[in-house]
Amino acid sequence: QVQLVESGGGLVQPGGSLRLSCAASGFTFSSYAMNWYRQTPEKEREFIAGIGSVGLGYYGASVKGRFTISRDNGKNTVYLEMSSLKPEDTAVYYCNVRRFQYDYWGQGTQVTVSS
């Protein structure tokens, strides 16, 4: 079955950087676009970044220029490199893949940006 396991979250100071990873299994990873979302208790789940099967990335407006998505098809892993972090980036970050019109999600990893 499809499994997505996020890692790399933690506490970071404003202006700092962090890299999230999402290890995927249970499907042909290289054939699917992968996405990152985030959510806070106050907001709906927000699209952050996506990457196509051939590696072209696209970003939500709130993170464009600060976050970079990448993938390693040999490791079945998608990454989110986050820089210039702000307190408003604090959220639970989720990895996502859509297969046959169904969305699969990981368990999420908490990112807290605070001094």
C-alpha atoms as a PDB file:
ATOM      1  CA  GLN A   1       0.000   0.000   0.000  1.00  0.00           C
ATOM      2  CA  VAL A   2       1.007   3.623  -0.453  1.00  0.00           C
ATOM      3  CA  GLN A   3       3.098   4.985   2.399  1.00  0.00           C
ATOM      4  CA  LEU A   4       4.522   8.470   2.810  1.00  0.00           C
ATOM      5  CA  VAL A   5       6.812   9.173   5.759  1.00  0.00           C
ATOM      6  CA  GLU A   6       7.932  12.722   6.455  1.00  0.00           C
ATOM      7  CA  SER A   7      10.965  13.669   8.522  1.00  0.00           C
ATOM      8  CA  GLY A   8      13.217  16.614   9.240  1.00  0.00           C
ATOM      9  CA  GLY A   9      10.907  18.935  11.114  1.00  0.00           C
ATOM     10  CA  GLY A  10      11.912  20.746  14.265  1.00  0.00           C
ATOM     11  CA  LEU A  11      12.485  24.082  15.945  1.00  0.00           C
ATOM     12  CA  VAL A  12      14.386  26.738  14.012  1.00  0.00           C
ATOM     13  CA  GLN A  13      15.020  30.429  14.554  1.00  0.00           C
ATOM     14  CA  PRO A  14      13.586  33.052  12.210  1.00  0.00           C
ATOM     15  CA  GLY A  15      15.816  33.421   9.162  1.00  0.00           C
ATOM     16  CA  GLY A  16      17.047  29.865   9.517  1.00  0.00           C
ATOM     17  CA  SER A  17      16.841  26.880   7.221  1.00  0.00           C
ATOM     18  CA  LEU A  18      15.487  23.359   7.399  1.00  0.00           C
ATOM     19  CA  ARG A  19      15.182  20.421   5.013  1.00  0.00           C
ATOM     20  CA  LEU A  20      12.219  18.105   5.056  1.00  0.00           C
ATOM     21  CA  SER A  21      12.217  14.643   3.510  1.00  0.00           C
ATOM     22  CA  CYS A  22       9.383  12.382   2.460  1.00  0.00           C
ATOM     23  CA  ALA A  23      10.140   8.718   1.830  1.00  0.00           C
ATOM     24  CA  ALA A  24       7.562   7.063  -0.429  1.00  0.00           C
ATOM     25  CA  SER A  25       6.711   3.422  -1.015  1.00  0.00           C
ATOM     26  CA  GLY A  26       3.959   1.263  -2.459  1.00  0.00           C
ATOM     27  CA  PHE A  27       3.779   2.862  -5.901  1.00  0.00           C
ATOM     28  CA  THR A  28       5.986   3.738  -8.858  1.00  0.00           C
ATOM     29  CA  PHE A  29       7.420   6.909  -7.373  1.00  0.00           C
ATOM     30  CA  SER A  30       9.088   8.191 -10.543  1.00  0.00           C
ATOM     31  CA  SER A  31       5.780   8.273 -12.424  1.00  0.00           C
ATOM     32  CA  TYR A  32       3.930  10.679 -10.132  1.00  0.00           C
ATOM     33  CA  ALA A  33       4.020  14.320  -9.185  1.00  0.00           C
ATOM     34  CA  MET A  34       4.661  14.866  -5.478  1.00  0.00           C
ATOM     35  CA  ASN A  35       3.455  17.724  -3.329  1.00  0.00           C
ATOM     36  CA  TRP A  36       4.036  19.404   0.004  1.00  0.00           C
ATOM     37  CA  TYR A  37       1.236  21.039   2.000  1.00  0.00           C
ATOM     38  CA  ARG A  38       1.106  22.589   5.439  1.00  0.00           C
ATOM     39  CA  GLN A  39      -1.594  23.175   8.018  1.00  0.00           C
ATOM     40  CA  THR A  40      -2.112  25.074  11.246  1.00  0.00           C
ATOM     41  CA  PRO A  41      -5.082  24.838  13.626  1.00  0.00           C
ATOM     42  CA  GLU A  42      -6.268  28.235  12.377  1.00  0.00           C
ATOM     43  CA  LYS A  43      -6.029  27.611   8.630  1.00  0.00           C
ATOM     44  CA  GLU A  44      -7.060  25.097   6.013  1.00  0.00           C
ATOM     45  CA  ARG A  45      -4.402  22.901   4.513  1.00  0.00           C
ATOM     46  CA  GLU A  46      -2.274  25.060   2.201  1.00  0.00           C
ATOM     47  CA  PHE A  47      -0.438  23.996  -0.946  1.00  0.00           C
ATOM     48  CA  ILE A  48       3.281  24.777  -0.635  1.00  0.00           C
ATOM     49  CA  ALA A  49       5.121  23.151  -3.503  1.00  0.00           C
ATOM     50  CA  GLY A  50       4.895  20.404  -6.083  1.00  0.00           C
ATOM     51  CA  ILE A  51       7.262  18.643  -8.424  1.00  0.00           C
ATOM     52  CA  GLY A  52       6.422  16.770 -11.578  1.00  0.00           C
ATOM     53  CA  SER A  53       7.692  13.350 -12.512  1.00  0.00           C
ATOM     54  CA  VAL A  54      10.406  14.944 -14.643  1.00  0.00           C
ATOM     55  CA  GLY A  55      11.503  17.297 -11.878  1.00  0.00           C
ATOM     56  CA  LEU A  56       9.845  20.614 -12.691  1.00  0.00           C
ATOM     57  CA  GLY A  57       8.904  22.424  -9.477  1.00  0.00           C
ATOM     58  CA  TYR A  58       6.053  24.832  -8.800  1.00  0.00           C
ATOM     59  CA  TYR A  59       5.284  26.822  -5.673  1.00  0.00           C
ATOM     60  CA  GLY A  60       2.629  28.554  -3.666  1.00  0.00           C
ATOM     61  CA  ALA A  61       2.913  32.334  -3.505  1.00  0.00           C
ATOM     62  CA  SER A  62       3.727  32.405   0.203  1.00  0.00           C
ATOM     63  CA  VAL A  63       6.942  30.399  -0.198  1.00  0.00           C
ATOM     64  CA  LYS A  64       8.107  31.164  -3.714  1.00  0.00           C
ATOM     65  CA  GLY A  65      11.745  32.235  -3.697  1.00  0.00           C
ATOM     66  CA  ARG A  66      12.374  30.806  -0.213  1.00  0.00           C
ATOM     67  CA  PHE A  67      11.543  27.099  -0.554  1.00  0.00           C
ATOM     68  CA  THR A  68      12.893  24.593  -3.068  1.00  0.00           C
ATOM     69  CA  ILE A  69      11.378  21.219  -3.846  1.00  0.00           C
ATOM     70  CA  SER A  70      13.419  18.384  -5.310  1.00  0.00           C
ATOM     71  CA  ARG A  71      13.213  14.640  -5.742  1.00  0.00           C
ATOM     72  CA  ASP A  72      15.498  11.637  -5.917  1.00  0.00           C
ATOM     73  CA  ASN A  73      13.770   8.921  -7.897  1.00  0.00           C
ATOM     74  CA  GLY A  74      16.513   6.443  -7.007  1.00  0.00           C
ATOM     75  CA  LYS A  75      15.662   6.865  -3.312  1.00  0.00           C
ATOM     76  CA  ASN A  76      11.904   7.325  -3.742  1.00  0.00           C
ATOM     77  CA  THR A  77      12.226  10.541  -1.764  1.00  0.00           C
ATOM     78  CA  VAL A  78      11.017  14.093  -2.192  1.00  0.00           C
ATOM     79  CA  TYR A  79      12.632  16.983  -0.339  1.00  0.00           C
ATOM     80  CA  LEU A  80      11.620  20.467   0.693  1.00  0.00           C
ATOM     81  CA  GLU A  81      14.488  22.847   1.328  1.00  0.00           C
ATOM     82  CA  MET A  82      13.219  25.787   3.377  1.00  0.00           C
ATOM     83  CA  SER A  83      15.207  28.968   3.904  1.00  0.00           C
ATOM     84  CA  SER A  84      14.578  32.467   5.263  1.00  0.00           C
ATOM     85  CA  LEU A  85      12.033  30.904   7.560  1.00  0.00           C
ATOM     86  CA  LYS A  86       9.452  33.123   9.236  1.00  0.00           C
ATOM     87  CA  PRO A  87       7.279  32.553  12.299  1.00  0.00           C
ATOM     88  CA  GLU A  88       4.274  32.296   9.977  1.00  0.00           C
ATOM     89  CA  ASP A  89       5.868  29.221   8.389  1.00  0.00           C
ATOM     90  CA  THR A  90       5.133  27.374  11.627  1.00  0.00           C
ATOM     91  CA  ALA A  91       2.858  24.463  10.734  1.00  0.00           C
ATOM     92  CA  VAL A  92       2.602  20.733  10.301  1.00  0.00           C
ATOM     93  CA  TYR A  93       4.018  19.878   6.889  1.00  0.00           C
ATOM     94  CA  TYR A  94       2.533  17.004   4.887  1.00  0.00           C
ATOM     95  CA  CYS A  95       3.725  15.077   1.877  1.00  0.00           C
ATOM     96  CA  ASN A  96       1.095  14.186  -0.734  1.00  0.00           C
ATOM     97  CA  VAL A  97       0.621  12.140  -3.867  1.00  0.00           C
ATOM     98  CA  ARG A  98      -2.529  11.854  -5.963  1.00  0.00           C
ATOM     99  CA  ARG A  99      -3.109   8.525  -7.678  1.00  0.00           C
ATOM    100  CA  PHE A 100      -6.243   7.686  -9.616  1.00  0.00           C
ATOM    101  CA  GLN A 101      -8.024  10.747  -8.199  1.00  0.00           C
ATOM    102  CA  TYR A 102      -7.267   9.720  -4.612  1.00  0.00           C
ATOM    103  CA  ASP A 103      -5.027  11.740  -2.315  1.00  0.00           C
ATOM    104  CA  TYR A 104      -2.544   9.999  -0.049  1.00  0.00           C
ATOM    105  CA  TRP A 105      -0.961  11.785   2.896  1.00  0.00           C
ATOM    106  CA  GLY A 106       1.863  11.204   5.309  1.00  0.00           C
ATOM    107  CA  GLN A 107       1.542  11.654   9.043  1.00  0.00           C
ATOM    108  CA  GLY A 108       3.107  15.117   8.928  1.00  0.00           C
ATOM    109  CA  THR A 109       6.140  16.706  10.523  1.00  0.00           C
ATOM    110  CA  GLN A 110       6.020  19.751  12.782  1.00  0.00           C
ATOM    111  CA  VAL A 111       8.038  22.841  11.862  1.00  0.00           C
ATOM    112  CA  THR A 112       8.235  25.591  14.459  1.00  0.00           C
ATOM    113  CA  VAL A 113       9.908  28.898  13.663  1.00  0.00           C
ATOM    114  CA  SER A 114      10.562  30.829  16.847  1.00  0.00           C
ATOM    115  CA  SER A 115      13.290  32.660  18.696  1.00  0.00           C
END
